[in-house]
């Protein structure tokens, strides 16, 4: 896990959260319960996305219907991104394979250290 800052685009107010790095997840996701608590602005997507959990079952909360646009800050790095909002998750934010591959951070899994050494 890494601590990241999520910043609202409209107000630039932010919150620091622990994000799970997961190389098995193929989408960047944020908990719907967390987005409601933080009052992030939801954008409805045209076509719902059915997502499977890590055990291959469909998410019991139903398909992804919303995204949020947000600034993500980690160390000296920041990026504006769209994140899928999904219910029923115990994690607030999950950073996934495409994000990890694009940024290619150095990760020391033994001590839990992530270094953003490449800035695309």
C-alpha atoms as a PDB file:
ATOM      1  CA  UNK A   1       0.000   0.000   0.000  1.00  0.00           C
ATOM      2  CA  UNK A   2       1.036   3.566  -0.665  1.00  0.00           C
ATOM      3  CA  UNK A   3      -0.238   6.852   0.732  1.00  0.00           C
ATOM      4  CA  UNK A   4      -1.582   9.096  -2.017  1.00  0.00           C
ATOM      5  CA  UNK A   5      -3.403  12.401  -1.995  1.00  0.00           C
ATOM      6  CA  UNK A   6      -6.691  12.605  -3.868  1.00  0.00           C
ATOM      7  CA  UNK A   7      -7.665  16.145  -4.779  1.00  0.00           C
ATOM      8  CA  UNK A   8     -11.029  17.411  -5.974  1.00  0.00           C
ATOM      9  CA  UNK A   9     -10.706  19.252  -9.271  1.00  0.00           C
ATOM     10  CA  UNK A  10     -13.353  21.866  -8.500  1.00  0.00           C
ATOM     11  CA  UNK A  11     -12.035  22.950  -5.082  1.00  0.00           C
ATOM     12  CA  UNK A  12      -8.482  21.535  -4.948  1.00  0.00           C
ATOM     13  CA  UNK A  13      -9.346  20.181  -1.484  1.00  0.00           C
ATOM     14  CA  UNK A  14      -7.766  16.845  -0.867  1.00  0.00           C
ATOM     15  CA  UNK A  15      -7.516  13.860   1.390  1.00  0.00           C
ATOM     16  CA  UNK A  16      -4.658  11.423   1.996  1.00  0.00           C
ATOM     17  CA  UNK A  17      -5.555   7.737   1.664  1.00  0.00           C
ATOM     18  CA  UNK A  18      -3.804   4.400   1.574  1.00  0.00           C
ATOM     19  CA  UNK A  19      -4.093   2.936  -1.919  1.00  0.00           C
ATOM     20  CA  UNK A  20      -3.686  -0.749  -2.606  1.00  0.00           C
ATOM     21  CA  UNK A  21      -1.251  -1.689  -5.395  1.00  0.00           C
ATOM     22  CA  UNK A  22      -2.730  -4.725  -7.089  1.00  0.00           C
ATOM     23  CA  UNK A  23      -1.247  -6.316 -10.189  1.00  0.00           C
ATOM     24  CA  UNK A  24      -4.340  -8.523 -10.634  1.00  0.00           C
ATOM     25  CA  UNK A  25      -6.801  -5.651 -11.033  1.00  0.00           C
ATOM     26  CA  UNK A  26      -7.263  -4.244 -14.542  1.00  0.00           C
ATOM     27  CA  UNK A  27      -9.095  -1.014 -13.666  1.00  0.00           C
ATOM     28  CA  UNK A  28      -8.335   1.911 -11.391  1.00  0.00           C
ATOM     29  CA  UNK A  29     -11.163   1.865  -8.845  1.00  0.00           C
ATOM     30  CA  UNK A  30     -12.379   3.857  -5.870  1.00  0.00           C
ATOM     31  CA  UNK A  31     -14.940   2.828  -3.259  1.00  0.00           C
ATOM     32  CA  UNK A  32     -18.421   4.317  -3.706  1.00  0.00           C
ATOM     33  CA  UNK A  33     -18.755   4.575   0.069  1.00  0.00           C
ATOM     34  CA  UNK A  34     -15.535   6.613   0.218  1.00  0.00           C
ATOM     35  CA  UNK A  35     -16.591   8.896  -2.666  1.00  0.00           C
ATOM     36  CA  UNK A  36     -19.891   9.624  -0.904  1.00  0.00           C
ATOM     37  CA  UNK A  37     -18.117  10.412   2.375  1.00  0.00           C
ATOM     38  CA  UNK A  38     -15.665  12.758   0.620  1.00  0.00           C
ATOM     39  CA  UNK A  39     -18.425  14.292  -1.550  1.00  0.00           C
ATOM     40  CA  UNK A  40     -16.583  13.691  -4.823  1.00  0.00           C
ATOM     41  CA  UNK A  41     -18.543  14.740  -7.913  1.00  0.00           C
ATOM     42  CA  UNK A  42     -19.827  11.663  -9.765  1.00  0.00           C
ATOM     43  CA  UNK A  43     -20.094  11.492 -13.556  1.00  0.00           C
ATOM     44  CA  UNK A  44     -22.541   8.937 -14.964  1.00  0.00           C
ATOM     45  CA  UNK A  45     -21.098   6.737 -17.724  1.00  0.00           C
ATOM     46  CA  UNK A  46     -23.107   5.825 -20.836  1.00  0.00           C
ATOM     47  CA  UNK A  47     -22.841   2.069 -20.582  1.00  0.00           C
ATOM     48  CA  UNK A  48     -22.492   0.280 -17.212  1.00  0.00           C
ATOM     49  CA  UNK A  49     -19.363  -1.866 -16.807  1.00  0.00           C
ATOM     50  CA  UNK A  50     -19.762  -5.273 -15.176  1.00  0.00           C
ATOM     51  CA  UNK A  51     -16.713  -6.000 -13.077  1.00  0.00           C
ATOM     52  CA  UNK A  52     -15.531  -9.205 -11.509  1.00  0.00           C
ATOM     53  CA  UNK A  53     -14.044  -9.497  -8.049  1.00  0.00           C
ATOM     54  CA  UNK A  54     -10.633 -11.060  -7.483  1.00  0.00           C
ATOM     55  CA  UNK A  55     -12.291 -14.482  -7.025  1.00  0.00           C
ATOM     56  CA  UNK A  56     -13.931 -14.131 -10.503  1.00  0.00           C
ATOM     57  CA  UNK A  57     -17.450 -13.569  -9.126  1.00  0.00           C
ATOM     58  CA  UNK A  58     -19.410 -10.510 -10.253  1.00  0.00           C
ATOM     59  CA  UNK A  59     -19.466  -7.645  -7.779  1.00  0.00           C
ATOM     60  CA  UNK A  60     -22.617  -8.008  -5.667  1.00  0.00           C
ATOM     61  CA  UNK A  61     -23.093  -4.220  -5.683  1.00  0.00           C
ATOM     62  CA  UNK A  62     -23.752  -4.333  -9.420  1.00  0.00           C
ATOM     63  CA  UNK A  63     -22.009  -2.734 -12.393  1.00  0.00           C
ATOM     64  CA  UNK A  64     -19.900   0.405 -12.459  1.00  0.00           C
ATOM     65  CA  UNK A  65     -22.213   3.304 -13.341  1.00  0.00           C
ATOM     66  CA  UNK A  66     -20.109   6.296 -12.321  1.00  0.00           C
ATOM     67  CA  UNK A  67     -16.590   7.689 -12.512  1.00  0.00           C
ATOM     68  CA  UNK A  68     -14.908  10.570 -10.765  1.00  0.00           C
ATOM     69  CA  UNK A  69     -12.310  12.902 -12.238  1.00  0.00           C
ATOM     70  CA  UNK A  70      -9.620  13.640  -9.696  1.00  0.00           C
ATOM     71  CA  UNK A  71      -5.997  14.686  -9.228  1.00  0.00           C
ATOM     72  CA  UNK A  72      -3.781  11.984  -7.749  1.00  0.00           C
ATOM     73  CA  UNK A  73      -0.595  13.066  -5.965  1.00  0.00           C
ATOM     74  CA  UNK A  74       2.234  10.756  -4.913  1.00  0.00           C
ATOM     75  CA  UNK A  75       5.624  12.099  -3.864  1.00  0.00           C
ATOM     76  CA  UNK A  76       6.531  14.775  -6.495  1.00  0.00           C
ATOM     77  CA  UNK A  77       4.239  13.211  -9.089  1.00  0.00           C
ATOM     78  CA  UNK A  78       0.645  14.206  -9.849  1.00  0.00           C
ATOM     79  CA  UNK A  79      -1.830  13.320 -12.546  1.00  0.00           C
ATOM     80  CA  UNK A  80      -5.470  14.061 -13.401  1.00  0.00           C
ATOM     81  CA  UNK A  81      -7.360  10.798 -13.884  1.00  0.00           C
ATOM     82  CA  UNK A  82     -10.785   9.286 -14.208  1.00  0.00           C
ATOM     83  CA  UNK A  83     -11.453   6.520 -11.697  1.00  0.00           C
ATOM     84  CA  UNK A  84     -14.253   3.951 -11.780  1.00  0.00           C
ATOM     85  CA  UNK A  85     -16.526   4.028  -8.712  1.00  0.00           C
ATOM     86  CA  UNK A  86     -17.405   0.597  -7.344  1.00  0.00           C
ATOM     87  CA  UNK A  87     -19.383  -0.476  -4.291  1.00  0.00           C
ATOM     88  CA  UNK A  88     -18.735  -3.101  -1.664  1.00  0.00           C
ATOM     89  CA  UNK A  89     -14.955  -2.712  -1.454  1.00  0.00           C
ATOM     90  CA  UNK A  90     -12.926  -2.700   1.743  1.00  0.00           C
ATOM     91  CA  UNK A  91     -10.190  -0.646   0.051  1.00  0.00           C
ATOM     92  CA  UNK A  92     -10.687   3.039  -0.700  1.00  0.00           C
ATOM     93  CA  UNK A  93      -8.528   3.106  -3.855  1.00  0.00           C
ATOM     94  CA  UNK A  94      -6.874   0.379  -5.922  1.00  0.00           C
ATOM     95  CA  UNK A  95      -4.070   1.225  -8.371  1.00  0.00           C
ATOM     96  CA  UNK A  96      -4.018  -1.368 -11.135  1.00  0.00           C
ATOM     97  CA  UNK A  97      -1.904  -3.009 -13.858  1.00  0.00           C
ATOM     98  CA  UNK A  98      -2.145  -0.298 -16.580  1.00  0.00           C
ATOM     99  CA  UNK A  99      -1.279   2.450 -14.069  1.00  0.00           C
ATOM    100  CA  UNK A 100       1.674   0.451 -12.725  1.00  0.00           C
ATOM    101  CA  UNK A 101       2.878  -0.437 -16.237  1.00  0.00           C
ATOM    102  CA  UNK A 102       2.580   3.152 -17.483  1.00  0.00           C
ATOM    103  CA  UNK A 103       4.470   4.669 -14.542  1.00  0.00           C
ATOM    104  CA  UNK A 104       6.763   1.691 -13.922  1.00  0.00           C
ATOM    105  CA  UNK A 105       7.675   2.608 -10.328  1.00  0.00           C
ATOM    106  CA  UNK A 106      10.460   0.886  -8.425  1.00  0.00           C
ATOM    107  CA  UNK A 107       8.764  -1.253  -5.778  1.00  0.00           C
ATOM    108  CA  UNK A 108      10.510  -2.903  -2.848  1.00  0.00           C
ATOM    109  CA  UNK A 109       7.841  -5.374  -1.749  1.00  0.00           C
ATOM    110  CA  UNK A 110       9.791  -6.436   1.384  1.00  0.00           C
ATOM    111  CA  UNK A 111       9.723  -2.997   3.006  1.00  0.00           C
ATOM    112  CA  UNK A 112       6.675  -1.603   1.177  1.00  0.00           C
ATOM    113  CA  UNK A 113       8.505   1.241  -0.536  1.00  0.00           C
ATOM    114  CA  UNK A 114       7.432   2.660  -3.887  1.00  0.00           C
ATOM    115  CA  UNK A 115       9.606   5.150  -5.758  1.00  0.00           C
ATOM    116  CA  UNK A 116       8.290   7.135  -8.701  1.00  0.00           C
ATOM    117  CA  UNK A 117      11.538   7.513 -10.636  1.00  0.00           C
ATOM    118  CA  UNK A 118      10.056   7.896 -14.107  1.00  0.00           C
ATOM    119  CA  UNK A 119       7.661  10.722 -14.908  1.00  0.00           C
ATOM    120  CA  UNK A 120       5.867  10.137 -18.227  1.00  0.00           C
END
